[in-house]
Amino acid sequence: MEFHSKMPQEIDDKLFPPPVHISLAKRDNAAFVPRIWPGVSAASTNTLRSVLKDNHIRWHVFFNQRGFHNHIPHAALALWCLGADASILEASYKTHSDIYERPAFASPGPITQETWKDHLSDEKYYAAYVEFFTQQYETKTFTDMLEEYVFAENANWVENTPKQPEMVPRFIDGLFHALIHTGYGVEFGVPGVSLEGLAQAAVHDSTCGSTIPASSLDTGIDGDLASRFAANIGLSETKDVHAFSILARVLTDPRFASNGKPDDAVRFALDTMRVHGKAIAKHVDQWTLDGDLSKKVEELLWTATLVYGVGGLEANGGFNADFFLIHLVTSSLFLPTIFSPLKRNSQIQLLKAYFGSLIAWYIGRGRPELDIKSFFANPSTLLLTPPGPHPTQNKVAQPSPTSPHEITPNPWLQIIQSTLVHPDDHVCKLQRALADFGAFLGDVKKGCFGGTELKDAEMIDGTLFLRTAGLTAGRVGWVREGEPQLMEASAWDRRGFF
């Protein structure tokens, strides 16, 4: 495979070292860390590094003028982590760079410590932001940079300034892509990818800012970012309110009812933030964030998967694999990674901002019903049998020659095998997230969520992740087993729930 000729000479190898997964590092404070699957090799690691370096120098972070995101580092790291062969990494990079990517270009001028807030939202300055953050990384840790350039008060609100920096909203905006991009770099110890993610956040808009809750909103007074970041986030003695309870309240809030299918689905979701931002923020402000915040991170993992998986179940038994809602799952995977090393105040900002945006996208996609009872009552979503020929078992194979578990003893292995060769770059990201959630939370029993306000929540158990992964595989296409993907141009549904 041929890569850009200037790449090796122009990129510091320290920015793109061989990945060192955080599960192998000293990260005892992490709420939950994903894992690396068997299959990683010297060849796949070399190819991964070449892809990441080549992408860094050749391509812009947006592949078109509408701000659609470059996913190359996401897919490359997800495939590598799942154990893909080097040839699959090469093929994935070639497919997406040939079809989508937009060449990188020099910025109109540099970014400095004094001017870094002057060009926010301007994608022409992406390269300059990468260079600036790279320079800062020479003397600061990346966690310190997140604190300074994302979560600090003066990174979000500056007195007597008409255009506020609002870096927390920018970090969450763009369907969570800056968080995802940054998260991949942090998870795998690849600073170059993390710095790209931070630069991406800087050139994002800040449309989700209104969904960030503040105590001033409860008084009916218009609150600005100054009040949001000065809001009281101290401990509370009130009864714990689970994220599922907030979701239940959002489900029944008449203000969020849909008025029919919108002409532009993306614009509708953004309009939801603008029109309903304060109402969403009030709901999120009822979510208790006391005590062990890592448990609240887990609540978001469950909520993101529930909205996509259970929300995607259709009355006819079909599955609506919504392209936008999959990003709730793929982004939530990185919440523990980003969350763990932050200061407590910053952790709370991250969780509230994320939950507000999750709710906004849920409403913006039509607020699908959550038929939990039907979802968990279906035995076929646990007995996964991919299409195509199956091996003939020897009579001594366990548990018995007639058992469906003899054909598919571990359905996750079937799902990941097919995922590795799927041409869509979101499939590997989603199925990896669901598999890791399944490994971490798969043994959770029914009844654990019975105390929440969400209808039938007592039926939710750790099979949520396997069921959702299997339904997804059936919808996007078992391409390894001979099925085509959902559509020629896309593996995902975009019709929403209207």
Protein backbone atom coordinates (compact mmCIF):
# COMPACT_ATOMS: atom_id res chain seq x y z
CA MET A 1 0.00 0.00 0.00
CA GLU A 2 1.36 3.41 -0.95
CA PHE A 3 1.08 6.30 1.47
CA HIS A 4 1.75 10.00 1.06
CA SER A 5 5.44 10.46 0.32
CA LYS A 6 5.90 13.40 2.72
CA MET A 7 4.30 11.65 5.65
CA PRO A 8 7.29 9.98 7.37
CA GLN A 9 9.43 13.12 7.28
CA GLU A 10 6.81 15.60 8.45
CA ILE A 11 5.18 13.90 11.44
CA ASP A 12 6.81 13.33 14.80
CA ASP A 13 6.58 9.61 15.57
CA LYS A 14 5.93 10.52 19.21
CA LEU A 15 2.49 11.75 18.16
CA PHE A 16 1.62 8.39 16.59
CA PRO A 17 3.37 5.73 18.66
CA PRO A 18 2.34 2.07 18.71
CA PRO A 19 -0.98 2.06 20.58
CA VAL A 20 -0.81 1.27 24.30
CA HIS A 21 -4.33 0.50 25.38
CA ILE A 22 -5.47 2.10 28.63
CA SER A 23 -6.59 -1.30 29.91
CA LEU A 24 -2.91 -2.23 29.95
CA ALA A 25 -1.82 1.03 31.55
CA LYS A 26 -2.18 2.25 35.12
CA ARG A 27 -5.71 3.57 34.95
CA ASP A 28 -7.10 2.36 38.26
CA ASN A 29 -9.41 5.38 38.44
CA ALA A 30 -11.22 4.49 35.20
CA ALA A 31 -14.92 3.74 35.61
CA PHE A 32 -14.76 1.23 32.78
CA VAL A 33 -12.22 0.59 30.06
CA PRO A 34 -12.74 -1.20 26.74
CA ARG A 35 -10.43 -3.99 25.67
CA ILE A 36 -8.29 -5.22 22.79
CA TRP A 37 -9.43 -8.40 21.05
CA PRO A 38 -7.02 -11.17 19.99
CA GLY A 39 -5.72 -10.72 16.47
CA VAL A 40 -3.54 -7.63 16.86
CA SER A 41 -0.16 -8.20 15.18
CA ALA A 42 3.02 -6.34 14.30
CA ALA A 43 1.77 -6.08 10.71
CA SER A 44 -1.62 -4.65 11.65
CA THR A 45 0.00 -2.23 14.09
CA ASN A 46 2.44 -0.95 11.45
CA THR A 47 -0.41 -0.48 8.99
CA LEU A 48 -2.50 1.30 11.61
CA ARG A 49 0.30 3.78 12.34
CA SER A 50 0.81 4.43 8.63
CA VAL A 51 -2.91 5.08 8.16
CA LEU A 52 -3.07 7.47 11.11
CA LYS A 53 0.00 9.40 10.00
CA ASP A 54 -1.12 9.60 6.40
CA ASN A 55 -4.56 10.78 7.41
CA HIS A 56 -3.04 13.41 9.70
CA ILE A 57 -1.13 15.10 6.91
CA ARG A 58 -3.37 14.49 3.88
CA TRP A 59 -6.94 15.06 4.96
CA HIS A 60 -9.02 17.76 6.58
CA VAL A 61 -11.18 16.89 9.60
CA PHE A 62 -14.34 17.69 7.58
CA PHE A 63 -14.75 15.92 4.26
CA ASN A 64 -17.21 18.46 2.82
CA GLN A 65 -18.46 22.01 3.26
CA ARG A 66 -21.38 20.84 5.44
CA GLY A 67 -19.03 19.77 8.21
CA PHE A 68 -19.35 15.99 7.76
CA HIS A 69 -16.59 14.33 9.73
CA ASN A 70 -13.49 12.44 8.75
CA HIS A 71 -13.88 9.01 10.38
CA ILE A 72 -10.62 7.43 9.25
CA PRO A 73 -8.90 7.29 12.67
CA HIS A 74 -12.11 5.93 14.25
CA ALA A 75 -12.49 3.04 11.83
CA ALA A 76 -8.77 2.25 11.75
CA LEU A 77 -8.44 2.05 15.53
CA ALA A 78 -11.71 0.16 15.96
CA LEU A 79 -10.77 -2.44 13.34
CA TRP A 80 -7.26 -2.79 14.71
CA CYS A 81 -8.62 -3.21 18.24
CA LEU A 82 -11.06 -5.92 17.06
CA GLY A 83 -8.16 -7.90 15.59
CA ALA A 84 -8.53 -7.09 11.90
CA ASP A 85 -5.82 -8.19 9.50
CA ALA A 86 -3.56 -5.50 8.04
CA SER A 87 -5.17 -5.99 4.63
CA ILE A 88 -8.57 -5.03 6.08
CA LEU A 89 -7.11 -1.83 7.55
CA GLU A 90 -5.61 -0.98 4.17
CA ALA A 91 -8.84 -1.67 2.31
CA SER A 92 -10.90 0.40 4.75
CA TYR A 93 -8.56 3.37 4.44
CA LYS A 94 -8.46 3.22 0.65
CA THR A 95 -12.24 2.93 0.37
CA HIS A 96 -12.98 5.95 2.51
CA SER A 97 -10.10 8.16 1.43
CA ASP A 98 -10.91 7.55 -2.25
CA ILE A 99 -14.61 8.29 -1.87
CA TYR A 100 -14.98 10.87 0.85
CA GLU A 101 -11.98 12.74 2.07
CA ARG A 102 -11.11 16.37 1.41
CA PRO A 103 -7.47 17.42 1.13
CA ALA A 104 -5.93 19.31 4.02
CA PHE A 105 -4.91 22.92 3.49
CA ALA A 106 -2.91 25.57 5.31
CA SER A 107 -4.78 27.96 7.61
CA PRO A 108 -4.89 31.71 6.87
CA GLY A 109 -2.73 32.36 9.91
CA PRO A 110 -1.39 30.84 13.14
CA ILE A 111 -3.21 30.24 16.41
CA THR A 112 -1.49 31.38 19.61
CA GLN A 113 -2.29 31.37 23.32
CA GLU A 114 -3.54 34.92 22.91
CA THR A 115 -5.67 34.28 19.83
CA TRP A 116 -6.97 30.72 20.28
CA LYS A 117 -10.52 31.95 21.00
CA ASP A 118 -10.61 34.28 17.98
CA HIS A 119 -11.23 31.71 15.24
CA LEU A 120 -13.54 29.20 16.88
CA SER A 121 -16.13 27.71 14.49
CA ASP A 122 -13.90 28.51 11.50
CA GLU A 123 -12.86 25.26 9.84
CA LYS A 124 -10.26 27.13 7.77
CA TYR A 125 -8.21 27.29 10.97
CA TYR A 126 -8.29 23.55 11.68
CA ALA A 127 -4.63 23.03 10.68
CA ALA A 128 -3.57 25.99 12.81
CA TYR A 129 -5.44 24.62 15.82
CA VAL A 130 -3.75 21.25 15.37
CA GLU A 131 -0.37 22.96 15.32
CA PHE A 132 -1.22 25.11 18.35
CA PHE A 133 -2.44 22.21 20.46
CA THR A 134 0.57 20.15 19.38
CA GLN A 135 2.85 22.90 20.68
CA GLN A 136 0.93 23.04 23.96
CA TYR A 137 1.26 19.27 24.34
CA GLU A 138 5.04 19.63 24.49
CA THR A 139 4.77 21.13 27.98
CA LYS A 140 1.35 19.95 29.24
CA THR A 141 -0.43 16.67 29.75
CA PHE A 142 -3.47 16.06 27.61
CA THR A 143 -5.71 15.95 30.69
CA ASP A 144 -4.40 19.39 31.68
CA MET A 145 -5.20 20.59 28.15
CA LEU A 146 -8.77 19.31 28.41
CA GLU A 147 -9.15 21.14 31.69
CA GLU A 148 -7.70 24.37 30.28
CA TYR A 149 -9.15 24.45 26.77
CA VAL A 150 -12.49 22.67 27.24
CA PHE A 151 -13.74 22.69 30.84
CA ALA A 152 -12.25 25.83 32.35
CA GLU A 153 -14.71 28.67 32.93
CA ASN A 154 -12.73 31.04 30.70
CA ALA A 155 -12.83 28.45 27.92
CA ASN A 156 -16.60 28.81 27.95
CA TRP A 157 -17.46 32.30 29.05
CA VAL A 158 -15.51 35.56 28.87
CA GLU A 159 -16.91 38.77 30.33
CA ASN A 160 -17.77 41.60 27.92
CA THR A 161 -17.31 39.40 24.86
CA PRO A 162 -20.19 39.15 22.35
CA LYS A 163 -19.17 35.73 20.98
CA GLN A 164 -18.51 33.28 23.78
CA PRO A 165 -15.97 30.44 23.40
CA GLU A 166 -18.37 27.73 24.68
CA MET A 167 -15.85 24.90 24.40
CA VAL A 168 -17.88 22.34 26.35
CA PRO A 169 -20.74 22.60 23.82
CA ARG A 170 -18.25 22.46 20.95
CA PHE A 171 -16.72 19.32 22.41
CA ILE A 172 -20.17 17.66 22.47
CA ASP A 173 -21.56 19.20 19.27
CA GLY A 174 -21.38 17.74 15.80
CA LEU A 175 -23.14 14.55 16.94
CA PHE A 176 -20.40 13.92 19.54
CA HIS A 177 -17.64 13.55 16.93
CA ALA A 178 -15.00 15.62 18.73
CA LEU A 179 -15.55 13.54 21.86
CA ILE A 180 -15.31 10.35 19.79
CA HIS A 181 -12.17 11.47 17.96
CA THR A 182 -10.50 12.63 21.16
CA GLY A 183 -11.59 9.49 22.97
CA TYR A 184 -9.91 7.20 20.45
CA GLY A 185 -6.63 9.02 20.92
CA VAL A 186 -6.83 8.93 24.70
CA GLU A 187 -7.95 5.31 24.87
CA PHE A 188 -5.11 4.04 22.71
CA GLY A 189 -2.41 6.48 23.81
CA VAL A 190 -2.05 8.15 20.40
CA PRO A 191 -1.58 11.88 21.11
CA GLY A 192 -1.82 12.89 17.46
CA VAL A 193 -5.40 11.64 17.29
CA SER A 194 -6.33 13.31 20.60
CA LEU A 195 -4.96 16.63 19.36
CA GLU A 196 -6.94 16.29 16.13
CA GLY A 197 -10.05 15.79 18.25
CA LEU A 198 -9.38 18.91 20.31
CA ALA A 199 -8.81 20.93 17.13
CA GLN A 200 -12.03 19.52 15.71
CA ALA A 201 -13.91 20.74 18.78
CA ALA A 202 -12.48 24.23 18.25
CA VAL A 203 -13.89 24.47 14.73
CA HIS A 204 -17.29 23.03 15.68
CA ASP A 205 -20.30 25.25 16.24
CA SER A 206 -21.87 25.37 19.71
CA THR A 207 -25.52 24.63 19.01
CA CYS A 208 -26.06 22.37 22.04
CA GLY A 209 -25.11 25.07 24.55
CA SER A 210 -28.72 25.73 25.53
CA THR A 211 -29.18 22.12 26.70
CA ILE A 212 -26.52 22.48 29.41
CA PRO A 213 -28.47 22.90 32.66
CA ALA A 214 -27.99 25.69 35.17
CA SER A 215 -29.77 26.65 38.38
CA SER A 216 -30.77 29.98 36.80
CA LEU A 217 -33.01 28.12 34.38
CA ASP A 218 -35.18 26.94 37.27
CA THR A 219 -36.02 30.55 38.14
CA GLY A 220 -37.23 31.35 34.64
CA ILE A 221 -34.45 33.90 34.16
CA ASP A 222 -32.48 33.84 30.96
CA GLY A 223 -29.13 32.36 31.93
CA ASP A 224 -25.90 32.84 30.04
CA LEU A 225 -22.81 30.70 30.18
CA ALA A 226 -21.47 32.68 33.09
CA SER A 227 -24.31 31.45 35.27
CA ARG A 228 -24.04 27.93 33.89
CA PHE A 229 -20.46 27.52 34.89
CA ALA A 230 -20.97 29.30 38.21
CA ALA A 231 -24.00 27.14 39.01
CA ASN A 232 -24.10 25.22 42.24
CA ILE A 233 -22.89 21.65 41.63
CA GLY A 234 -22.46 20.68 45.25
CA LEU A 235 -23.67 17.51 46.92
CA SER A 236 -27.37 16.96 47.43
CA GLU A 237 -29.31 14.93 49.95
CA THR A 238 -32.29 14.37 47.64
CA LYS A 239 -33.37 10.93 46.45
CA ASP A 240 -31.21 9.59 43.64
CA VAL A 241 -32.77 10.13 40.22
CA HIS A 242 -31.61 7.66 37.58
CA ALA A 243 -31.07 8.62 33.94
CA PHE A 244 -33.89 6.19 33.05
CA SER A 245 -36.26 8.31 35.14
CA ILE A 246 -35.24 11.41 33.23
CA LEU A 247 -35.81 9.51 29.99
CA ALA A 248 -39.28 8.50 31.20
CA ARG A 249 -40.14 12.14 31.88
CA VAL A 250 -38.89 13.19 28.45
CA LEU A 251 -41.05 10.46 26.88
CA THR A 252 -44.20 11.89 28.41
CA ASP A 253 -43.42 15.60 28.09
CA PRO A 254 -45.99 16.98 25.60
CA ARG A 255 -43.63 19.80 24.57
CA PHE A 256 -41.49 17.29 22.72
CA ALA A 257 -44.24 15.73 20.60
CA SER A 258 -43.43 15.42 16.91
CA ASN A 259 -45.46 17.29 14.29
CA GLY A 260 -44.56 15.02 11.42
CA LYS A 261 -41.47 14.15 9.43
CA PRO A 262 -39.17 17.14 8.86
CA ASP A 263 -37.71 18.07 5.49
CA ASP A 264 -34.14 18.08 6.85
CA ALA A 265 -33.46 15.57 9.62
CA VAL A 266 -30.15 17.11 10.71
CA ARG A 267 -31.56 20.63 10.78
CA PHE A 268 -34.57 19.39 12.75
CA ALA A 269 -32.35 17.92 15.45
CA LEU A 270 -30.40 21.17 15.70
CA ASP A 271 -33.66 23.13 15.83
CA THR A 272 -34.72 20.87 18.69
CA MET A 273 -31.75 22.14 20.68
CA ARG A 274 -32.63 25.73 19.84
CA VAL A 275 -36.37 25.48 20.54
CA HIS A 276 -36.35 23.02 23.43
CA GLY A 277 -32.89 23.56 24.89
CA LYS A 278 -34.06 25.12 28.15
CA ALA A 279 -36.75 22.46 28.67
CA ILE A 280 -34.18 19.73 28.07
CA ALA A 281 -31.76 21.42 30.47
CA LYS A 282 -34.40 21.46 33.19
CA HIS A 283 -34.92 17.72 32.81
CA VAL A 284 -31.17 17.05 32.96
CA ASP A 285 -30.88 19.25 36.03
CA GLN A 286 -33.15 16.80 37.88
CA TRP A 287 -30.61 14.02 37.33
CA THR A 288 -28.71 13.59 40.58
CA LEU A 289 -24.94 13.67 40.35
CA ASP A 290 -23.90 12.93 43.90
CA GLY A 291 -21.47 10.43 45.33
CA ASP A 292 -19.83 7.98 42.93
CA LEU A 293 -20.07 9.61 39.51
CA SER A 294 -18.77 6.50 37.75
CA LYS A 295 -22.21 4.97 38.37
CA LYS A 296 -23.71 7.89 36.47
CA VAL A 297 -21.38 7.15 33.58
CA GLU A 298 -22.81 3.62 33.52
CA GLU A 299 -26.32 5.06 33.47
CA LEU A 300 -25.47 6.90 30.25
CA LEU A 301 -24.07 3.73 28.64
CA TRP A 302 -27.37 1.98 29.36
CA THR A 303 -29.46 4.95 28.26
CA ALA A 304 -27.63 5.45 24.96
CA THR A 305 -28.00 1.76 24.06
CA LEU A 306 -31.64 1.65 25.16
CA VAL A 307 -32.57 4.64 23.01
CA TYR A 308 -30.92 3.17 19.91
CA GLY A 309 -31.69 -0.53 20.47
CA VAL A 310 -35.12 -0.62 22.09
CA GLY A 311 -36.09 2.58 20.30
CA GLY A 312 -35.26 0.92 16.99
CA LEU A 313 -37.65 -2.00 17.51
CA GLU A 314 -40.64 -1.69 15.17
CA ALA A 315 -44.16 -2.95 15.76
CA ASN A 316 -43.83 -5.41 12.87
CA GLY A 317 -40.72 -6.95 14.41
CA GLY A 318 -38.34 -5.09 12.12
CA PHE A 319 -35.49 -2.88 13.26
CA ASN A 320 -34.82 0.77 12.46
CA ALA A 321 -31.03 1.11 12.70
CA ASP A 322 -31.03 4.88 12.91
CA PHE A 323 -27.84 6.45 11.60
CA PHE A 324 -27.96 9.35 14.04
CA LEU A 325 -28.83 7.37 17.16
CA ILE A 326 -25.94 4.95 16.64
CA HIS A 327 -23.69 7.85 17.57
CA LEU A 328 -25.17 7.84 21.06
CA VAL A 329 -23.72 4.36 21.52
CA THR A 330 -20.38 4.90 19.80
CA SER A 331 -19.73 8.13 21.69
CA SER A 332 -20.80 6.80 25.10
CA LEU A 333 -17.99 4.24 24.86
CA PHE A 334 -15.53 7.09 25.40
CA LEU A 335 -17.24 8.74 28.34
CA PRO A 336 -15.30 6.65 30.90
CA THR A 337 -12.03 7.30 29.07
CA ILE A 338 -12.46 11.08 29.00
CA PHE A 339 -14.25 11.29 32.34
CA SER A 340 -11.92 9.40 34.67
CA PRO A 341 -8.87 11.72 34.93
CA LEU A 342 -10.87 14.98 35.04
CA LYS A 343 -11.54 17.11 38.11
CA ARG A 344 -14.94 16.47 39.67
CA ASN A 345 -16.43 19.77 38.47
CA SER A 346 -15.31 18.98 34.94
CA GLN A 347 -16.74 15.47 35.20
CA ILE A 348 -20.12 16.92 36.10
CA GLN A 349 -19.98 19.39 33.21
CA LEU A 350 -19.16 16.55 30.82
CA LEU A 351 -21.98 14.29 32.05
CA LYS A 352 -24.64 17.00 32.01
CA ALA A 353 -23.61 18.33 28.60
CA TYR A 354 -23.55 14.82 27.16
CA PHE A 355 -26.93 13.83 28.60
CA GLY A 356 -28.55 17.04 27.36
CA SER A 357 -27.33 16.43 23.84
CA LEU A 358 -28.35 12.75 23.98
CA ILE A 359 -31.90 13.79 24.87
CA ALA A 360 -31.94 16.44 22.17
CA TRP A 361 -30.99 13.91 19.49
CA TYR A 362 -33.53 11.43 20.85
CA ILE A 363 -36.26 14.06 20.53
CA GLY A 364 -34.86 15.32 17.24
CA ARG A 365 -35.13 11.86 15.67
CA GLY A 366 -38.82 11.61 16.57
CA ARG A 367 -38.68 10.41 20.20
CA PRO A 368 -39.28 6.71 19.39
CA GLU A 369 -41.37 4.68 21.81
CA LEU A 370 -39.48 2.31 24.10
CA ASP A 371 -41.34 -1.02 24.07
CA ILE A 372 -39.09 -2.64 26.63
CA LYS A 373 -41.45 -5.56 27.28
CA SER A 374 -41.55 -6.68 23.64
CA PHE A 375 -37.82 -6.14 23.15
CA PHE A 376 -36.79 -8.42 26.01
CA ALA A 377 -39.54 -10.99 25.47
CA ASN A 378 -38.23 -12.00 22.03
CA PRO A 379 -36.10 -15.19 22.33
CA SER A 380 -34.89 -15.01 18.73
CA THR A 381 -32.66 -12.01 19.45
CA LEU A 382 -30.67 -14.18 21.85
CA LEU A 383 -30.43 -17.29 19.65
CA LEU A 384 -28.48 -15.66 16.87
CA THR A 385 -28.08 -17.74 13.71
CA PRO A 386 -26.37 -15.87 10.85
CA PRO A 387 -27.38 -16.72 7.28
CA GLY A 388 -25.41 -19.01 4.99
CA PRO A 389 -24.04 -22.53 5.41
CA HIS A 390 -23.12 -23.79 8.85
CA PRO A 391 -20.53 -26.37 9.89
CA THR A 392 -21.56 -29.97 10.40
CA GLN A 393 -20.98 -30.81 14.03
CA ASN A 394 -19.39 -33.98 15.28
CA LYS A 395 -21.65 -36.02 17.50
CA VAL A 396 -19.46 -35.30 20.52
CA ALA A 397 -19.87 -31.51 20.17
CA GLN A 398 -21.52 -29.95 23.18
CA PRO A 399 -24.09 -29.34 24.49
CA SER A 400 -25.96 -31.63 22.05
CA PRO A 401 -26.20 -32.21 18.29
CA THR A 402 -29.61 -30.52 18.14
CA SER A 403 -28.85 -27.47 20.27
CA PRO A 404 -28.75 -24.06 18.56
CA HIS A 405 -25.86 -23.21 20.89
CA GLU A 406 -23.78 -25.82 19.11
CA ILE A 407 -23.98 -23.81 15.87
CA THR A 408 -23.45 -20.44 17.54
CA PRO A 409 -21.87 -21.09 20.94
CA ASN A 410 -20.85 -17.44 21.33
CA PRO A 411 -22.89 -15.09 19.13
CA TRP A 412 -20.48 -12.21 19.77
CA LEU A 413 -17.78 -14.04 17.79
CA GLN A 414 -20.11 -14.36 14.79
CA ILE A 415 -21.03 -10.70 15.01
CA ILE A 416 -17.44 -9.49 15.22
CA GLN A 417 -16.28 -11.76 12.39
CA SER A 418 -18.87 -10.27 10.07
CA THR A 419 -18.24 -6.76 11.39
CA LEU A 420 -14.54 -6.87 10.47
CA VAL A 421 -15.25 -7.12 6.75
CA HIS A 422 -18.27 -4.82 6.54
CA PRO A 423 -17.47 -1.86 4.27
CA ASP A 424 -19.36 0.73 6.33
CA ASP A 425 -17.05 2.48 8.77
CA HIS A 426 -19.71 2.91 11.45
CA VAL A 427 -20.46 -0.81 11.81
CA CYS A 428 -17.14 -1.67 13.45
CA LYS A 429 -17.43 1.27 15.85
CA LEU A 430 -20.94 0.38 16.95
CA GLN A 431 -20.45 -3.37 17.31
CA ARG A 432 -17.19 -2.85 19.19
CA ALA A 433 -18.96 -0.57 21.67
CA LEU A 434 -21.83 -2.99 22.16
CA ALA A 435 -19.46 -5.93 22.61
CA ASP A 436 -17.46 -4.08 25.25
CA PHE A 437 -20.64 -3.04 27.05
CA GLY A 438 -21.75 -6.65 26.91
CA ALA A 439 -18.46 -7.79 28.46
CA PHE A 440 -18.74 -5.18 31.20
CA LEU A 441 -22.47 -5.24 31.91
CA GLY A 442 -23.72 -8.47 30.37
CA ASP A 443 -24.30 -10.17 33.73
CA VAL A 444 -26.71 -7.52 35.04
CA LYS A 445 -29.95 -9.24 36.07
CA LYS A 446 -33.56 -8.27 35.52
CA GLY A 447 -34.97 -6.14 38.29
CA CYS A 448 -31.96 -3.87 38.78
CA PHE A 449 -33.76 -0.89 37.25
CA GLY A 450 -37.18 -1.54 38.74
CA GLY A 451 -36.89 1.44 41.03
CA THR A 452 -36.75 3.93 38.16
CA GLU A 453 -39.71 5.71 36.58
CA LEU A 454 -39.25 4.11 33.17
CA LYS A 455 -42.10 1.75 32.26
CA ASP A 456 -41.07 -1.94 32.35
CA ALA A 457 -37.50 -1.03 33.31
CA GLU A 458 -37.47 -4.02 35.65
CA MET A 459 -37.26 -6.22 32.53
CA ILE A 460 -34.00 -4.69 31.36
CA ASP A 461 -30.94 -6.91 31.79
CA GLY A 462 -27.46 -7.36 30.38
CA THR A 463 -28.77 -9.02 27.21
CA LEU A 464 -29.61 -5.52 25.95
CA PHE A 465 -26.23 -5.26 24.25
CA LEU A 466 -26.24 -8.64 22.51
CA ARG A 467 -29.83 -8.23 21.36
CA THR A 468 -29.05 -4.78 19.95
CA ALA A 469 -25.90 -6.01 18.22
CA GLY A 470 -27.75 -8.93 16.63
CA LEU A 471 -30.60 -6.74 15.40
CA THR A 472 -28.05 -4.31 13.99
CA ALA A 473 -26.14 -7.06 12.18
CA GLY A 474 -29.36 -8.27 10.59
CA ARG A 475 -30.28 -4.79 9.45
CA VAL A 476 -26.93 -3.57 8.08
CA GLY A 477 -26.28 -6.91 6.35
CA TRP A 478 -24.23 -10.02 7.13
CA VAL A 479 -21.84 -9.28 4.26
CA ARG A 480 -19.30 -11.95 5.27
CA GLU A 481 -22.10 -14.50 5.09
CA GLY A 482 -23.26 -13.36 1.65
CA GLU A 483 -25.89 -10.72 2.36
CA PRO A 484 -25.69 -7.24 0.81
CA GLN A 485 -25.62 -4.23 3.07
CA LEU A 486 -28.92 -2.44 3.66
CA MET A 487 -28.53 -0.06 0.70
CA GLU A 488 -25.79 0.37 -1.87
CA ALA A 489 -24.84 3.80 -0.55
CA SER A 490 -25.46 3.22 3.15
CA ALA A 491 -25.88 0.53 5.76
CA TRP A 492 -28.15 2.64 7.97
CA ASP A 493 -31.71 3.90 8.22
CA ARG A 494 -32.27 7.63 8.02
CA ARG A 495 -36.08 7.83 8.03
CA GLY A 496 -36.31 8.61 11.72
CA PHE A 497 -39.33 7.84 13.89
CA PHE A 498 -41.95 10.29 12.66
